Amino acid sequence: MAIAGPLFLILNIAFYLLFAHIILSWLISFQVLSLGQPFVAQLWQGLTRLFEPMFAPIRRILPDTRPLDLAPLVVFVIIISLRDFIVPSIFL
């Protein structure tokens, strides 16, 4: 339980931050938000820097679907499966 608690916390934080990243990317794509706004630009850059090390290897494996980036979806599914299925079966 000493390992499972912090691991669940990290996975939950990653889940919500990635969810925010996905929603923010949609809002920027549909021009609801603009990267010209300083807060939006800083938030976007911070989340992109945080998740880019996870997206880059997945983008090399996935086919190029230029207007639609599937790497966040794959990372999202991995985090959900780790959080809900794999970690509980190992530690609980």
N, C-alpha and C. Protein backbone atom coordinates (compact mmCIF):
# COMPACT_ATOMS: atom_id res chain seq x y z
N MET A 1 0.82 -1.20 0.00
CA MET A 1 0.00 0.00 0.00
C MET A 1 0.86 1.25 0.00
N ALA A 2 2.11 1.15 0.47
CA ALA A 2 2.99 2.31 0.49
C ALA A 2 3.37 2.74 -0.92
N ILE A 3 3.37 1.83 -1.87
CA ILE A 3 3.68 2.17 -3.25
C ILE A 3 2.39 2.51 -4.01
N ALA A 4 1.31 1.85 -3.72
CA ALA A 4 0.07 2.02 -4.46
C ALA A 4 -0.53 3.41 -4.27
N GLY A 5 -0.50 3.94 -3.06
CA GLY A 5 -1.09 5.25 -2.80
C GLY A 5 -0.46 6.36 -3.62
N PRO A 6 0.86 6.55 -3.56
CA PRO A 6 1.48 7.59 -4.39
C PRO A 6 1.33 7.33 -5.89
N LEU A 7 1.34 6.05 -6.29
CA LEU A 7 1.18 5.73 -7.70
C LEU A 7 -0.22 6.12 -8.19
N PHE A 8 -1.26 5.84 -7.39
CA PHE A 8 -2.61 6.27 -7.75
C PHE A 8 -2.70 7.79 -7.82
N LEU A 9 -2.06 8.48 -6.89
CA LEU A 9 -2.07 9.94 -6.90
C LEU A 9 -1.42 10.48 -8.17
N ILE A 10 -0.28 9.94 -8.55
CA ILE A 10 0.41 10.39 -9.76
C ILE A 10 -0.43 10.11 -11.00
N LEU A 11 -1.04 8.93 -11.06
CA LEU A 11 -1.87 8.60 -12.22
C LEU A 11 -3.12 9.47 -12.28
N ASN A 12 -3.72 9.79 -11.14
CA ASN A 12 -4.89 10.68 -11.13
C ASN A 12 -4.51 12.09 -11.57
N ILE A 13 -3.38 12.60 -11.10
CA ILE A 13 -2.94 13.93 -11.51
C ILE A 13 -2.64 13.94 -13.01
N ALA A 14 -1.97 12.90 -13.50
CA ALA A 14 -1.68 12.82 -14.94
C ALA A 14 -2.97 12.73 -15.75
N PHE A 15 -3.95 12.00 -15.24
CA PHE A 15 -5.24 11.88 -15.92
C PHE A 15 -5.90 13.25 -16.09
N TYR A 16 -6.00 14.00 -15.01
CA TYR A 16 -6.68 15.30 -15.07
C TYR A 16 -5.89 16.33 -15.86
N LEU A 17 -4.57 16.31 -15.77
CA LEU A 17 -3.77 17.24 -16.56
C LEU A 17 -3.86 16.91 -18.04
N LEU A 18 -3.85 15.64 -18.39
CA LEU A 18 -3.99 15.26 -19.79
C LEU A 18 -5.39 15.58 -20.31
N PHE A 19 -6.38 15.41 -19.48
CA PHE A 19 -7.75 15.79 -19.85
C PHE A 19 -7.82 17.29 -20.14
N ALA A 20 -7.18 18.09 -19.29
CA ALA A 20 -7.14 19.54 -19.50
C ALA A 20 -6.38 19.87 -20.79
N HIS A 21 -5.31 19.15 -21.07
CA HIS A 21 -4.54 19.36 -22.30
C HIS A 21 -5.39 19.07 -23.53
N ILE A 22 -6.15 17.99 -23.50
CA ILE A 22 -6.99 17.62 -24.64
C ILE A 22 -8.09 18.65 -24.86
N ILE A 23 -8.76 19.06 -23.80
CA ILE A 23 -9.82 20.07 -23.92
C ILE A 23 -9.25 21.39 -24.41
N LEU A 24 -8.09 21.78 -23.88
CA LEU A 24 -7.45 23.02 -24.31
C LEU A 24 -7.07 22.95 -25.78
N SER A 25 -6.60 21.81 -26.25
CA SER A 25 -6.24 21.69 -27.67
C SER A 25 -7.47 21.82 -28.56
N TRP A 26 -8.60 21.28 -28.12
CA TRP A 26 -9.83 21.45 -28.89
C TRP A 26 -10.27 22.90 -28.92
N LEU A 27 -10.21 23.57 -27.77
CA LEU A 27 -10.62 24.97 -27.72
C LEU A 27 -9.72 25.85 -28.57
N ILE A 28 -8.45 25.53 -28.63
CA ILE A 28 -7.53 26.28 -29.48
C ILE A 28 -7.79 25.96 -30.95
N SER A 29 -8.05 24.70 -31.27
CA SER A 29 -8.30 24.30 -32.66
C SER A 29 -9.57 24.94 -33.21
N PHE A 30 -10.60 25.03 -32.39
CA PHE A 30 -11.86 25.63 -32.83
C PHE A 30 -11.90 27.13 -32.61
N GLN A 31 -10.76 27.73 -32.28
CA GLN A 31 -10.57 29.16 -32.11
C GLN A 31 -11.49 29.77 -31.06
N VAL A 32 -11.81 29.00 -30.05
CA VAL A 32 -12.52 29.54 -28.90
C VAL A 32 -11.53 30.29 -28.02
N LEU A 33 -10.33 29.71 -27.89
CA LEU A 33 -9.23 30.36 -27.18
C LEU A 33 -8.12 30.66 -28.17
N SER A 34 -7.36 31.70 -27.85
CA SER A 34 -6.27 32.11 -28.73
C SER A 34 -4.94 32.01 -28.00
N LEU A 35 -3.91 31.56 -28.71
CA LEU A 35 -2.59 31.51 -28.12
C LEU A 35 -1.98 32.91 -27.99
N GLY A 36 -2.67 33.91 -28.48
CA GLY A 36 -2.25 35.29 -28.30
C GLY A 36 -2.51 35.79 -26.88
N GLN A 37 -3.37 35.10 -26.16
CA GLN A 37 -3.62 35.45 -24.76
C GLN A 37 -2.50 34.86 -23.91
N PRO A 38 -1.86 35.69 -23.07
CA PRO A 38 -0.69 35.21 -22.32
C PRO A 38 -0.98 34.01 -21.41
N PHE A 39 -2.10 34.01 -20.72
CA PHE A 39 -2.41 32.89 -19.81
C PHE A 39 -2.61 31.60 -20.59
N VAL A 40 -3.34 31.68 -21.69
CA VAL A 40 -3.60 30.50 -22.50
C VAL A 40 -2.30 29.97 -23.09
N ALA A 41 -1.45 30.87 -23.56
CA ALA A 41 -0.17 30.46 -24.15
C ALA A 41 0.73 29.80 -23.11
N GLN A 42 0.79 30.36 -21.92
CA GLN A 42 1.62 29.75 -20.87
C GLN A 42 1.08 28.40 -20.45
N LEU A 43 -0.23 28.29 -20.30
CA LEU A 43 -0.84 27.02 -19.92
C LEU A 43 -0.59 25.97 -21.00
N TRP A 44 -0.75 26.35 -22.26
CA TRP A 44 -0.54 25.43 -23.38
C TRP A 44 0.92 24.98 -23.44
N GLN A 45 1.85 25.91 -23.30
CA GLN A 45 3.27 25.56 -23.36
C GLN A 45 3.66 24.66 -22.19
N GLY A 46 3.15 24.95 -21.01
CA GLY A 46 3.46 24.11 -19.86
C GLY A 46 2.95 22.69 -20.00
N LEU A 47 1.70 22.55 -20.42
CA LEU A 47 1.14 21.21 -20.60
C LEU A 47 1.81 20.46 -21.75
N THR A 48 2.16 21.18 -22.80
CA THR A 48 2.84 20.55 -23.93
C THR A 48 4.22 20.06 -23.52
N ARG A 49 4.96 20.88 -22.77
CA ARG A 49 6.28 20.46 -22.29
C ARG A 49 6.18 19.28 -21.33
N LEU A 50 5.12 19.22 -20.57
CA LEU A 50 4.94 18.12 -19.63
C LEU A 50 4.66 16.80 -20.34
N PHE A 51 3.82 16.83 -21.36
CA PHE A 51 3.38 15.59 -22.00
C PHE A 51 4.12 15.22 -23.28
N GLU A 52 4.91 16.13 -23.83
CA GLU A 52 5.62 15.83 -25.07
C GLU A 52 6.56 14.63 -24.96
N PRO A 53 7.27 14.41 -23.83
CA PRO A 53 8.09 13.20 -23.75
C PRO A 53 7.28 11.90 -23.84
N MET A 54 6.00 11.94 -23.49
CA MET A 54 5.15 10.76 -23.63
C MET A 54 4.58 10.65 -25.04
N PHE A 55 4.31 11.79 -25.67
CA PHE A 55 3.71 11.79 -27.00
C PHE A 55 4.70 11.42 -28.10
N ALA A 56 5.95 11.84 -27.98
CA ALA A 56 6.93 11.68 -29.06
C ALA A 56 7.14 10.22 -29.46
N PRO A 57 7.37 9.28 -28.52
CA PRO A 57 7.56 7.89 -28.95
C PRO A 57 6.30 7.29 -29.58
N ILE A 58 5.15 7.72 -29.11
CA ILE A 58 3.90 7.19 -29.65
C ILE A 58 3.66 7.73 -31.06
N ARG A 59 4.03 9.00 -31.30
CA ARG A 59 3.88 9.58 -32.64
C ARG A 59 4.77 8.88 -33.66
N ARG A 60 5.91 8.36 -33.22
CA ARG A 60 6.79 7.64 -34.15
C ARG A 60 6.18 6.31 -34.56
N ILE A 61 5.37 5.71 -33.69
CA ILE A 61 4.77 4.41 -33.98
C ILE A 61 3.48 4.56 -34.79
N LEU A 62 2.66 5.55 -34.44
CA LEU A 62 1.36 5.73 -35.09
C LEU A 62 1.52 6.27 -36.51
N PRO A 63 0.58 5.96 -37.40
CA PRO A 63 0.62 6.56 -38.74
C PRO A 63 0.30 8.05 -38.66
N ASP A 64 0.73 8.79 -39.67
CA ASP A 64 0.54 10.23 -39.69
C ASP A 64 -0.90 10.56 -40.07
N THR A 65 -1.66 11.04 -39.12
CA THR A 65 -3.02 11.53 -39.35
C THR A 65 -2.99 13.03 -39.06
N ARG A 66 -2.45 13.79 -39.99
CA ARG A 66 -2.04 15.17 -39.78
C ARG A 66 -3.06 16.05 -39.06
N PRO A 67 -4.29 16.17 -39.46
CA PRO A 67 -5.12 17.12 -38.71
C PRO A 67 -5.52 16.61 -37.33
N LEU A 68 -5.44 15.29 -37.14
CA LEU A 68 -5.86 14.70 -35.87
C LEU A 68 -4.67 14.01 -35.22
N ASP A 69 -4.30 14.46 -34.03
CA ASP A 69 -3.18 13.86 -33.31
C ASP A 69 -3.73 12.79 -32.37
N LEU A 70 -3.35 11.55 -32.62
CA LEU A 70 -3.87 10.43 -31.83
C LEU A 70 -3.01 10.10 -30.62
N ALA A 71 -1.83 10.69 -30.51
CA ALA A 71 -0.92 10.39 -29.39
C ALA A 71 -1.55 10.72 -28.03
N PRO A 72 -2.23 11.87 -27.85
CA PRO A 72 -2.86 12.11 -26.55
C PRO A 72 -3.93 11.08 -26.21
N LEU A 73 -4.65 10.62 -27.20
CA LEU A 73 -5.67 9.59 -26.96
C LEU A 73 -5.03 8.29 -26.49
N VAL A 74 -3.92 7.91 -27.11
CA VAL A 74 -3.24 6.68 -26.72
C VAL A 74 -2.70 6.80 -25.29
N VAL A 75 -2.09 7.94 -24.97
CA VAL A 75 -1.58 8.15 -23.61
C VAL A 75 -2.73 8.15 -22.61
N PHE A 76 -3.85 8.75 -22.99
CA PHE A 76 -5.03 8.78 -22.13
C PHE A 76 -5.52 7.37 -21.83
N VAL A 77 -5.58 6.52 -22.84
CA VAL A 77 -6.01 5.13 -22.65
C VAL A 77 -5.02 4.37 -21.78
N ILE A 78 -3.73 4.62 -21.97
CA ILE A 78 -2.71 3.96 -21.15
C ILE A 78 -2.85 4.37 -19.69
N ILE A 79 -3.05 5.66 -19.43
CA ILE A 79 -3.20 6.13 -18.04
C ILE A 79 -4.45 5.53 -17.41
N ILE A 80 -5.54 5.50 -18.15
CA ILE A 80 -6.78 4.93 -17.62
C ILE A 80 -6.61 3.44 -17.32
N SER A 81 -5.99 2.71 -18.23
CA SER A 81 -5.81 1.28 -17.99
C SER A 81 -4.86 1.01 -16.83
N LEU A 82 -3.80 1.82 -16.70
CA LEU A 82 -2.92 1.68 -15.54
C LEU A 82 -3.65 1.97 -14.25
N ARG A 83 -4.40 3.07 -14.24
CA ARG A 83 -5.06 3.53 -13.02
C ARG A 83 -6.20 2.60 -12.59
N ASP A 84 -6.95 2.10 -13.56
CA ASP A 84 -8.17 1.36 -13.21
C ASP A 84 -8.01 -0.15 -13.23
N PHE A 85 -7.06 -0.69 -13.99
CA PHE A 85 -6.98 -2.13 -14.14
C PHE A 85 -5.66 -2.73 -13.67
N ILE A 86 -4.56 -2.20 -14.18
CA ILE A 86 -3.25 -2.84 -13.94
C ILE A 86 -2.75 -2.63 -12.53
N VAL A 87 -2.71 -1.37 -12.06
CA VAL A 87 -2.19 -1.11 -10.71
C VAL A 87 -3.04 -1.75 -9.62
N PRO A 88 -4.39 -1.68 -9.70
CA PRO A 88 -5.17 -2.37 -8.66
C PRO A 88 -4.96 -3.88 -8.64
N SER A 89 -4.76 -4.50 -9.80
CA SER A 89 -4.56 -5.94 -9.80
C SER A 89 -3.19 -6.33 -9.26
N ILE A 90 -2.22 -5.44 -9.34
CA ILE A 90 -0.89 -5.74 -8.84
C ILE A 90 -0.80 -5.48 -7.34
N PHE A 91 -1.31 -4.33 -6.89
CA PHE A 91 -1.08 -3.90 -5.50
C PHE A 91 -2.23 -4.18 -4.55
N LEU A 92 -3.43 -4.40 -5.05
CA LEU A 92 -4.57 -4.58 -4.12
C LEU A 92 -5.11 -5.98 -4.14
